[in-house]
Amino acid sequence: MLYPIKKVKEEWAKLHAKLDAAQNELVQQRENHLTHIQASSEAQVKLLEKVSETLSGVRLDLKEQTGFIQAMSMSPRRARAAAKK
């Protein structure tokens, strides 16, 4: 007489165990993903710092080059001697 109730209770326990296992797996995946994001973001910050330093150096070189070109353009130009025929 109690067989159907016991069977339902066993099935309920199995279903509950499956749900717990799925929940634990999702929690583990989330933790792994967050760990991966944290590690990759640290690497990305280092890379962005290197890029920033490089671009800063390029900007200074370009400023120096622009100043040199401006100085050259403001200096008096020598007229080329006309070729004698």
N, C-alpha and C. Protein backbone atom coordinates (compact mmCIF):
# COMPACT_ATOMS: atom_id res chain seq x y z
N MET A 1 0.81 -1.19 0.00
CA MET A 1 0.00 0.00 0.00
C MET A 1 0.87 1.27 0.00
N LEU A 2 2.02 1.24 0.63
CA LEU A 2 2.89 2.39 0.66
C LEU A 2 3.87 2.42 -0.52
N TYR A 3 3.82 1.43 -1.36
CA TYR A 3 4.75 1.35 -2.49
C TYR A 3 4.69 2.58 -3.40
N PRO A 4 3.53 3.06 -3.83
CA PRO A 4 3.50 4.25 -4.70
C PRO A 4 4.09 5.48 -4.02
N ILE A 5 3.87 5.62 -2.76
CA ILE A 5 4.40 6.79 -2.03
C ILE A 5 5.92 6.69 -1.94
N LYS A 6 6.44 5.49 -1.66
CA LYS A 6 7.89 5.30 -1.59
C LYS A 6 8.53 5.55 -2.96
N LYS A 7 7.88 5.07 -4.00
CA LYS A 7 8.40 5.24 -5.36
C LYS A 7 8.46 6.73 -5.73
N VAL A 8 7.41 7.46 -5.41
CA VAL A 8 7.36 8.90 -5.69
C VAL A 8 8.44 9.62 -4.88
N LYS A 9 8.61 9.20 -3.64
CA LYS A 9 9.62 9.81 -2.79
C LYS A 9 11.04 9.56 -3.33
N GLU A 10 11.30 8.35 -3.82
CA GLU A 10 12.60 8.02 -4.42
C GLU A 10 12.85 8.86 -5.67
N GLU A 11 11.84 8.95 -6.51
CA GLU A 11 11.96 9.74 -7.74
C GLU A 11 12.19 11.22 -7.40
N TRP A 12 11.48 11.70 -6.39
CA TRP A 12 11.66 13.08 -5.96
C TRP A 12 13.09 13.32 -5.48
N ALA A 13 13.65 12.38 -4.72
CA ALA A 13 15.01 12.50 -4.22
C ALA A 13 16.01 12.47 -5.37
N LYS A 14 15.78 11.61 -6.37
CA LYS A 14 16.68 11.55 -7.55
C LYS A 14 16.63 12.87 -8.32
N LEU A 15 15.43 13.39 -8.51
CA LEU A 15 15.27 14.65 -9.24
C LEU A 15 15.93 15.79 -8.48
N HIS A 16 15.77 15.81 -7.18
CA HIS A 16 16.38 16.84 -6.34
C HIS A 16 17.91 16.74 -6.40
N ALA A 17 18.45 15.53 -6.41
CA ALA A 17 19.90 15.33 -6.51
C ALA A 17 20.42 15.82 -7.86
N LYS A 18 19.66 15.57 -8.93
CA LYS A 18 20.06 16.05 -10.26
C LYS A 18 20.08 17.58 -10.30
N LEU A 19 19.08 18.19 -9.69
CA LEU A 19 19.03 19.66 -9.65
C LEU A 19 20.19 20.23 -8.85
N ASP A 20 20.53 19.60 -7.74
CA ASP A 20 21.67 20.05 -6.94
C ASP A 20 22.97 19.92 -7.73
N ALA A 21 23.11 18.81 -8.46
CA ALA A 21 24.32 18.62 -9.27
C ALA A 21 24.42 19.68 -10.37
N ALA A 22 23.28 20.00 -11.00
CA ALA A 22 23.28 21.03 -12.04
C ALA A 22 23.61 22.39 -11.43
N GLN A 23 23.07 22.68 -10.27
CA GLN A 23 23.36 23.94 -9.59
C GLN A 23 24.85 24.05 -9.26
N ASN A 24 25.42 22.98 -8.73
CA ASN A 24 26.85 22.98 -8.39
C ASN A 24 27.72 23.19 -9.63
N GLU A 25 27.33 22.56 -10.74
CA GLU A 25 28.09 22.71 -11.98
C GLU A 25 28.03 24.16 -12.48
N LEU A 26 26.85 24.77 -12.42
CA LEU A 26 26.71 26.16 -12.85
C LEU A 26 27.54 27.11 -11.98
N VAL A 27 27.55 26.86 -10.69
CA VAL A 27 28.34 27.69 -9.78
C VAL A 27 29.83 27.55 -10.12
N GLN A 28 30.28 26.31 -10.38
CA GLN A 28 31.69 26.08 -10.72
C GLN A 28 32.05 26.77 -12.04
N GLN A 29 31.18 26.68 -13.03
CA GLN A 29 31.42 27.34 -14.32
C GLN A 29 31.50 28.85 -14.14
N ARG A 30 30.63 29.41 -13.34
CA ARG A 30 30.65 30.85 -13.10
C ARG A 30 31.95 31.27 -12.42
N GLU A 31 32.39 30.51 -11.44
CA GLU A 31 33.64 30.82 -10.76
C GLU A 31 34.82 30.73 -11.71
N ASN A 32 34.83 29.70 -12.56
CA ASN A 32 35.91 29.56 -13.53
C ASN A 32 35.92 30.73 -14.51
N HIS A 33 34.73 31.14 -14.94
CA HIS A 33 34.64 32.25 -15.89
C HIS A 33 35.13 33.55 -15.25
N LEU A 34 34.73 33.81 -14.03
CA LEU A 34 35.17 35.03 -13.35
C LEU A 34 36.68 35.03 -13.12
N THR A 35 37.24 33.87 -12.79
CA THR A 35 38.69 33.75 -12.62
C THR A 35 39.39 34.04 -13.94
N HIS A 36 38.86 33.50 -15.04
CA HIS A 36 39.44 33.73 -16.36
C HIS A 36 39.37 35.21 -16.73
N ILE A 37 38.24 35.84 -16.48
CA ILE A 37 38.09 37.27 -16.79
C ILE A 37 39.09 38.09 -15.99
N GLN A 38 39.26 37.77 -14.73
CA GLN A 38 40.19 38.52 -13.88
C GLN A 38 41.62 38.36 -14.39
N ALA A 39 42.02 37.16 -14.75
CA ALA A 39 43.38 36.93 -15.24
C ALA A 39 43.61 37.63 -16.58
N SER A 40 42.63 37.56 -17.47
CA SER A 40 42.80 38.19 -18.78
C SER A 40 42.76 39.72 -18.67
N SER A 41 42.00 40.25 -17.72
CA SER A 41 41.95 41.70 -17.59
C SER A 41 43.27 42.24 -17.06
N GLU A 42 43.95 41.50 -16.20
CA GLU A 42 45.27 41.92 -15.72
C GLU A 42 46.26 41.97 -16.88
N ALA A 43 46.21 40.96 -17.73
CA ALA A 43 47.09 40.94 -18.90
C ALA A 43 46.75 42.08 -19.85
N GLN A 44 45.48 42.36 -20.00
CA GLN A 44 45.05 43.44 -20.89
C GLN A 44 45.50 44.80 -20.36
N VAL A 45 45.46 44.99 -19.06
CA VAL A 45 45.91 46.25 -18.47
C VAL A 45 47.41 46.44 -18.73
N LYS A 46 48.19 45.39 -18.56
CA LYS A 46 49.63 45.48 -18.84
C LYS A 46 49.88 45.83 -20.30
N LEU A 47 49.13 45.19 -21.20
CA LEU A 47 49.29 45.48 -22.63
C LEU A 47 48.91 46.92 -22.94
N LEU A 48 47.84 47.42 -22.35
CA LEU A 48 47.42 48.80 -22.59
C LEU A 48 48.44 49.80 -22.05
N GLU A 49 49.07 49.46 -20.93
CA GLU A 49 50.12 50.33 -20.39
C GLU A 49 51.30 50.40 -21.36
N LYS A 50 51.69 49.26 -21.93
CA LYS A 50 52.79 49.25 -22.90
C LYS A 50 52.43 50.08 -24.13
N VAL A 51 51.20 49.92 -24.62
CA VAL A 51 50.75 50.68 -25.79
C VAL A 51 50.77 52.17 -25.47
N SER A 52 50.32 52.54 -24.29
CA SER A 52 50.30 53.94 -23.89
C SER A 52 51.71 54.52 -23.84
N GLU A 53 52.65 53.76 -23.28
CA GLU A 53 54.04 54.23 -23.24
C GLU A 53 54.61 54.39 -24.64
N THR A 54 54.33 53.44 -25.51
CA THR A 54 54.82 53.50 -26.88
C THR A 54 54.24 54.71 -27.61
N LEU A 55 52.94 54.91 -27.49
CA LEU A 55 52.30 56.04 -28.16
C LEU A 55 52.79 57.37 -27.60
N SER A 56 53.08 57.41 -26.32
CA SER A 56 53.61 58.62 -25.72
C SER A 56 54.97 58.95 -26.34
N GLY A 57 55.81 57.93 -26.51
CA GLY A 57 57.11 58.13 -27.14
C GLY A 57 56.96 58.58 -28.58
N VAL A 58 56.02 58.00 -29.30
CA VAL A 58 55.79 58.39 -30.70
C VAL A 58 55.32 59.83 -30.76
N ARG A 59 54.45 60.20 -29.84
CA ARG A 59 53.94 61.58 -29.82
C ARG A 59 55.08 62.57 -29.60
N LEU A 60 56.00 62.26 -28.70
CA LEU A 60 57.13 63.16 -28.45
C LEU A 60 58.05 63.23 -29.66
N ASP A 61 58.30 62.09 -30.31
CA ASP A 61 59.12 62.09 -31.51
C ASP A 61 58.47 62.91 -32.61
N LEU A 62 57.16 62.76 -32.77
CA LEU A 62 56.45 63.51 -33.80
C LEU A 62 56.48 65.00 -33.50
N LYS A 63 56.38 65.38 -32.23
CA LYS A 63 56.44 66.78 -31.85
C LYS A 63 57.81 67.36 -32.20
N GLU A 64 58.86 66.60 -31.91
CA GLU A 64 60.21 67.05 -32.22
C GLU A 64 60.40 67.18 -33.73
N GLN A 65 59.90 66.21 -34.48
CA GLN A 65 60.02 66.25 -35.93
C GLN A 65 59.24 67.43 -36.51
N THR A 66 58.06 67.68 -35.99
CA THR A 66 57.26 68.80 -36.47
C THR A 66 57.96 70.13 -36.19
N GLY A 67 58.56 70.26 -35.01
CA GLY A 67 59.30 71.47 -34.68
C GLY A 67 60.50 71.66 -35.61
N PHE A 68 61.19 70.58 -35.93
CA PHE A 68 62.32 70.66 -36.84
C PHE A 68 61.88 71.11 -38.23
N ILE A 69 60.78 70.54 -38.70
CA ILE A 69 60.28 70.90 -40.04
C ILE A 69 59.82 72.35 -40.05
N GLN A 70 59.18 72.81 -38.99
CA GLN A 70 58.75 74.20 -38.94
C GLN A 70 59.95 75.13 -38.92
N ALA A 71 60.98 74.77 -38.20
CA ALA A 71 62.18 75.60 -38.17
C ALA A 71 62.84 75.64 -39.54
N MET A 72 62.86 74.53 -40.22
CA MET A 72 63.46 74.49 -41.56
C MET A 72 62.65 75.34 -42.54
N SER A 73 61.34 75.35 -42.39
CA SER A 73 60.52 76.10 -43.34
C SER A 73 60.60 77.60 -43.08
N MET A 74 60.95 78.01 -41.89
CA MET A 74 61.04 79.43 -41.58
C MET A 74 62.42 80.01 -41.89
N SER A 75 63.40 79.17 -42.07
CA SER A 75 64.74 79.69 -42.36
C SER A 75 64.75 80.27 -43.77
N PRO A 76 65.60 81.28 -43.98
CA PRO A 76 65.64 81.88 -45.33
C PRO A 76 66.11 80.86 -46.36
N ARG A 77 65.48 80.94 -47.50
CA ARG A 77 65.83 80.00 -48.56
C ARG A 77 66.88 80.62 -49.46
N ARG A 78 67.80 79.80 -49.83
CA ARG A 78 68.82 80.27 -50.76
C ARG A 78 68.31 80.08 -52.18
N ALA A 79 68.51 81.11 -52.95
CA ALA A 79 68.10 81.01 -54.35
C ALA A 79 69.13 80.20 -55.09
N ARG A 80 68.70 79.36 -55.91
CA ARG A 80 69.62 78.54 -56.72
C ARG A 80 70.23 79.41 -57.81
N ALA A 81 71.47 79.23 -57.98
CA ALA A 81 72.16 80.00 -59.04
C ALA A 81 71.65 79.52 -60.39
N ALA A 82 71.39 80.48 -61.24
CA ALA A 82 70.91 80.13 -62.58
C ALA A 82 72.04 79.49 -63.36
N ALA A 83 71.70 78.50 -64.05
CA ALA A 83 72.72 77.78 -64.84
C ALA A 83 73.18 78.67 -65.98
N LYS A 84 74.49 78.73 -66.18
CA LYS A 84 75.04 79.53 -67.27
C LYS A 84 74.96 78.73 -68.54
N LYS A 85 74.67 79.43 -69.60
CA LYS A 85 74.57 78.78 -70.89
C LYS A 85 75.68 79.22 -71.78
